[in-house]
């Protein structure tokens, strides 16, 4: 049939060797060892808590500085407006 694929002939395989005989004499006498895995440093819960508390404190300080800067800017705009309106009335 024309549509049926045909498998290629099997290649000639080399003869098998005896199970007690090594395949080649170039193999090392011992198996290579796997590299030792490095363990991760242990972190105590106290250190994690200290980092979290430090982050919260720094965030609170940054927020306080931002709020203070906005309030000073608003106060400066209001004072400028008051001084300019007083200057125009004279």
Protein backbone atom coordinates (compact mmCIF):
# COMPACT_ATOMS: atom_id res chain seq x y z
CA UNK A 1 0.00 0.00 0.00
CA UNK A 2 1.20 3.48 -0.74
CA UNK A 3 -0.01 5.23 2.44
CA UNK A 4 1.39 2.74 4.93
CA UNK A 5 4.79 3.85 6.35
CA UNK A 6 7.57 1.30 6.51
CA UNK A 7 10.15 1.14 9.28
CA UNK A 8 13.80 1.23 8.28
CA UNK A 9 15.78 -1.96 8.86
CA UNK A 10 17.27 -2.35 12.35
CA UNK A 11 20.96 -1.41 12.55
CA UNK A 12 23.51 -4.09 13.39
CA UNK A 13 24.17 -3.89 17.14
CA UNK A 14 27.54 -4.90 18.61
CA UNK A 15 27.73 -8.19 20.46
CA UNK A 16 27.01 -8.02 24.19
CA UNK A 17 29.83 -8.47 26.67
CA UNK A 18 29.98 -10.61 29.77
CA UNK A 19 28.32 -9.07 32.86
CA UNK A 20 31.50 -9.42 34.97
CA UNK A 21 33.72 -7.82 32.37
CA UNK A 22 33.87 -3.97 32.33
CA UNK A 23 32.85 -2.32 29.09
CA UNK A 24 36.10 -0.37 28.91
CA UNK A 25 39.19 -0.12 31.09
CA UNK A 26 39.23 3.70 31.03
CA UNK A 27 36.60 4.11 33.76
CA UNK A 28 37.79 5.48 37.13
CA UNK A 29 37.98 3.07 40.02
CA UNK A 30 35.60 5.12 42.19
CA UNK A 31 32.39 6.91 41.39
CA UNK A 32 32.55 10.73 41.53
CA UNK A 33 30.84 12.20 44.55
CA UNK A 34 28.17 14.82 44.25
CA UNK A 35 29.12 18.30 45.51
CA UNK A 36 28.00 18.99 49.05
CA UNK A 37 24.89 21.14 49.31
CA UNK A 38 25.26 24.38 51.19
CA UNK A 39 22.63 24.82 53.82
CA UNK A 40 20.83 28.12 54.23
CA UNK A 41 21.68 30.12 57.32
CA UNK A 42 19.16 29.71 60.07
CA UNK A 43 17.24 32.82 61.01
CA UNK A 44 15.61 33.13 64.39
CA UNK A 45 12.13 34.50 64.86
CA UNK A 46 13.55 37.32 66.94
CA UNK A 47 15.58 38.57 63.99
CA UNK A 48 12.55 38.42 61.71
CA UNK A 49 10.48 40.31 64.29
CA UNK A 50 13.21 42.93 64.65
CA UNK A 51 13.29 43.50 60.89
CA UNK A 52 9.50 43.81 60.74
CA UNK A 53 9.35 46.24 63.67
CA UNK A 54 12.18 48.29 62.15
CA UNK A 55 10.31 48.46 58.86
CA UNK A 56 7.11 49.59 60.56
CA UNK A 57 8.95 52.28 62.53
CA UNK A 58 10.76 53.59 59.46
CA UNK A 59 7.51 53.66 57.49
CA UNK A 60 5.81 55.59 60.28
CA UNK A 61 8.65 58.10 60.41
CA UNK A 62 8.54 58.59 56.65
CA UNK A 63 4.79 59.13 56.79
CA UNK A 64 5.20 61.67 59.61
CA UNK A 65 7.80 63.59 57.60
CA UNK A 66 5.55 63.62 54.53
CA UNK A 67 2.53 64.87 56.50
CA UNK A 68 4.65 67.57 58.15
CA UNK A 69 5.97 68.72 54.76
CA UNK A 70 2.46 68.96 53.33
CA UNK A 71 1.19 70.90 56.33
CA UNK A 72 4.11 73.36 56.16
CA UNK A 73 3.46 73.85 52.45
CA UNK A 74 -0.23 74.53 53.06
CA UNK A 75 0.62 76.98 55.86
CA UNK A 76 3.07 78.80 53.56
CA UNK A 77 0.45 79.13 50.83
CA UNK A 78 -2.15 80.46 53.28
CA UNK A 79 0.30 82.99 54.79
CA UNK A 80 1.33 84.14 51.33
CA UNK A 81 -2.30 84.61 50.36
CA UNK A 82 -3.04 86.55 53.58
CA UNK A 83 -0.02 88.80 53.16
CA UNK A 84 -0.77 89.48 49.51
CA UNK A 85 -4.41 90.29 50.22
CA UNK A 86 -3.40 92.62 53.06
CA UNK A 87 -0.91 94.35 50.79
CA UNK A 88 -3.59 94.91 48.09
CA UNK A 89 -6.03 96.48 50.58
CA UNK A 90 -3.65 99.29 51.53
